Amino acid sequence: MLEEMELRLDAAIDKTENLARDVEINHMMMTFDSLMVKAQDEKVSAMIAEPNSQYGADVFEESIQARWTVKKALNIMSSTVKKDCKSR
């Protein structure tokens, strides 16, 4: 009879230890999942460079317009420099 009680007690102890491990593993998994979600959110926010991203012809036209404006400004500056050099 004592052997049966000892077996039952061992089984109860094993069951309790397994339940405690399950709780600990579940807590670790939830912590890992929340850390992964935070890391993913940070990664997504880091990938967004501009709030209003543009693609295709719009960007091309804007870059051509900007280059033309810069060239025009450089031409104006160089022509004023040439005039200043001649007057001396």
C-alpha atoms as a PDB file:
ATOM      1  CA  MET A   1       0.000   0.000   0.000  1.00  0.00           C
ATOM      2  CA  LEU A   2       2.847   2.400   0.780  1.00  0.00           C
ATOM      3  CA  GLU A   3       4.375   1.674  -2.632  1.00  0.00           C
ATOM      4  CA  GLU A   4       1.127   2.654  -4.369  1.00  0.00           C
ATOM      5  CA  MET A   5       0.935   5.880  -2.386  1.00  0.00           C
ATOM      6  CA  GLU A   6       4.564   6.605  -3.257  1.00  0.00           C
ATOM      7  CA  LEU A   7       3.850   6.053  -6.968  1.00  0.00           C
ATOM      8  CA  ARG A   8       0.804   8.339  -6.808  1.00  0.00           C
ATOM      9  CA  LEU A   9       2.816  10.986  -4.988  1.00  0.00           C
ATOM     10  CA  ASP A  10       5.613  10.774  -7.573  1.00  0.00           C
ATOM     11  CA  ALA A  11       3.070  11.078 -10.376  1.00  0.00           C
ATOM     12  CA  ALA A  12       1.482  14.126  -8.714  1.00  0.00           C
ATOM     13  CA  ILE A  13       4.895  15.744  -8.244  1.00  0.00           C
ATOM     14  CA  ASP A  14       5.813  15.077 -11.893  1.00  0.00           C
ATOM     15  CA  LYS A  15       2.498  16.517 -13.053  1.00  0.00           C
ATOM     16  CA  THR A  16       2.999  19.637 -10.943  1.00  0.00           C
ATOM     17  CA  GLU A  17       6.540  20.113 -12.266  1.00  0.00           C
ATOM     18  CA  ASN A  18       5.331  19.692 -15.856  1.00  0.00           C
ATOM     19  CA  LEU A  19       2.596  22.283 -15.320  1.00  0.00           C
ATOM     20  CA  ALA A  20       5.119  24.714 -13.857  1.00  0.00           C
ATOM     21  CA  ARG A  21       7.408  24.180 -16.871  1.00  0.00           C
ATOM     22  CA  ASP A  22       4.486  24.737 -19.247  1.00  0.00           C
ATOM     23  CA  VAL A  23       3.661  28.038 -17.570  1.00  0.00           C
ATOM     24  CA  GLU A  24       7.305  29.117 -17.747  1.00  0.00           C
ATOM     25  CA  ILE A  25       7.599  28.100 -21.413  1.00  0.00           C
ATOM     26  CA  ASN A  26       4.374  29.911 -22.299  1.00  0.00           C
ATOM     27  CA  HIS A  27       5.636  33.055 -20.562  1.00  0.00           C
ATOM     28  CA  MET A  28       8.940  32.838 -22.456  1.00  0.00           C
ATOM     29  CA  MET A  29       7.106  32.357 -25.764  1.00  0.00           C
ATOM     30  CA  MET A  30       4.837  35.336 -25.120  1.00  0.00           C
ATOM     31  CA  THR A  31       7.859  37.491 -24.229  1.00  0.00           C
ATOM     32  CA  PHE A  32       9.664  36.370 -27.387  1.00  0.00           C
ATOM     33  CA  ASP A  33       6.603  37.067 -29.546  1.00  0.00           C
ATOM     34  CA  SER A  34       6.167  40.559 -28.108  1.00  0.00           C
ATOM     35  CA  LEU A  35       9.863  41.327 -28.677  1.00  0.00           C
ATOM     36  CA  MET A  36       9.604  40.104 -32.266  1.00  0.00           C
ATOM     37  CA  VAL A  37       6.561  42.300 -32.891  1.00  0.00           C
ATOM     38  CA  LYS A  38       8.385  45.335 -31.479  1.00  0.00           C
ATOM     39  CA  ALA A  39      11.443  44.587 -33.613  1.00  0.00           C
ATOM     40  CA  GLN A  40       9.262  44.190 -36.699  1.00  0.00           C
ATOM     41  CA  ASP A  41       7.497  47.496 -35.997  1.00  0.00           C
ATOM     42  CA  GLU A  42      10.840  49.260 -35.650  1.00  0.00           C
ATOM     43  CA  LYS A  43      12.057  47.675 -38.870  1.00  0.00           C
ATOM     44  CA  VAL A  44       8.985  48.808 -40.781  1.00  0.00           C
ATOM     45  CA  SER A  45       9.233  52.358 -39.466  1.00  0.00           C
ATOM     46  CA  ALA A  46      12.925  52.456 -40.372  1.00  0.00           C
ATOM     47  CA  MET A  47      12.168  51.341 -43.916  1.00  0.00           C
ATOM     48  CA  ILE A  48       9.855  54.291 -44.574  1.00  0.00           C
ATOM     49  CA  ALA A  49      12.085  57.100 -45.771  1.00  0.00           C
ATOM     50  CA  GLU A  50       9.505  59.615 -46.921  1.00  0.00           C
ATOM     51  CA  PRO A  51       5.923  60.119 -45.803  1.00  0.00           C
ATOM     52  CA  ASN A  52       4.745  60.695 -49.387  1.00  0.00           C
ATOM     53  CA  SER A  53       6.763  58.468 -51.664  1.00  0.00           C
ATOM     54  CA  GLN A  54       6.436  58.989 -55.405  1.00  0.00           C
ATOM     55  CA  TYR A  55       7.322  56.653 -58.224  1.00  0.00           C
ATOM     56  CA  GLY A  56       7.580  56.680 -61.981  1.00  0.00           C
ATOM     57  CA  ALA A  57       7.149  59.656 -64.277  1.00  0.00           C
ATOM     58  CA  ASP A  58       6.391  62.160 -61.503  1.00  0.00           C
ATOM     59  CA  VAL A  59       9.767  61.679 -59.869  1.00  0.00           C
ATOM     60  CA  PHE A  60      11.557  61.747 -63.220  1.00  0.00           C
ATOM     61  CA  GLU A  61       9.897  65.010 -64.241  1.00  0.00           C
ATOM     62  CA  GLU A  62      10.700  66.629 -60.898  1.00  0.00           C
ATOM     63  CA  SER A  63      14.354  65.601 -61.129  1.00  0.00           C
ATOM     64  CA  ILE A  64      14.627  66.977 -64.684  1.00  0.00           C
ATOM     65  CA  GLN A  65      13.012  70.241 -63.548  1.00  0.00           C
ATOM     66  CA  ALA A  66      15.415  70.495 -60.610  1.00  0.00           C
ATOM     67  CA  ARG A  67      18.443  69.887 -62.857  1.00  0.00           C
ATOM     68  CA  TRP A  68      17.248  72.522 -65.311  1.00  0.00           C
ATOM     69  CA  THR A  69      16.767  75.018 -62.479  1.00  0.00           C
ATOM     70  CA  VAL A  70      20.278  74.341 -61.143  1.00  0.00           C
ATOM     71  CA  LYS A  71      21.823  74.713 -64.618  1.00  0.00           C
ATOM     72  CA  LYS A  72      19.941  77.963 -65.183  1.00  0.00           C
ATOM     73  CA  ALA A  73      21.103  79.319 -61.813  1.00  0.00           C
ATOM     74  CA  LEU A  74      24.714  78.348 -62.593  1.00  0.00           C
ATOM     75  CA  ASN A  75      24.521  80.071 -65.980  1.00  0.00           C
ATOM     76  CA  ILE A  76      23.182  83.249 -64.389  1.00  0.00           C
ATOM     77  CA  MET A  77      25.921  83.207 -61.757  1.00  0.00           C
ATOM     78  CA  SER A  78      28.666  82.602 -64.309  1.00  0.00           C
ATOM     79  CA  SER A  79      27.412  85.409 -66.555  1.00  0.00           C
ATOM     80  CA  THR A  80      27.419  87.882 -63.653  1.00  0.00           C
ATOM     81  CA  VAL A  81      30.941  86.786 -62.712  1.00  0.00           C
ATOM     82  CA  LYS A  82      32.122  87.343 -66.291  1.00  0.00           C
ATOM     83  CA  LYS A  83      30.638  90.835 -66.360  1.00  0.00           C
ATOM     84  CA  ASP A  84      32.325  91.673 -63.062  1.00  0.00           C
ATOM     85  CA  CYS A  85      35.696  90.499 -64.342  1.00  0.00           C
ATOM     86  CA  LYS A  86      35.478  92.657 -67.482  1.00  0.00           C
ATOM     87  CA  SER A  87      34.640  95.827 -65.615  1.00  0.00           C
ATOM     88  CA  ARG A  88      37.814  95.753 -63.573  1.00  0.00           C
END
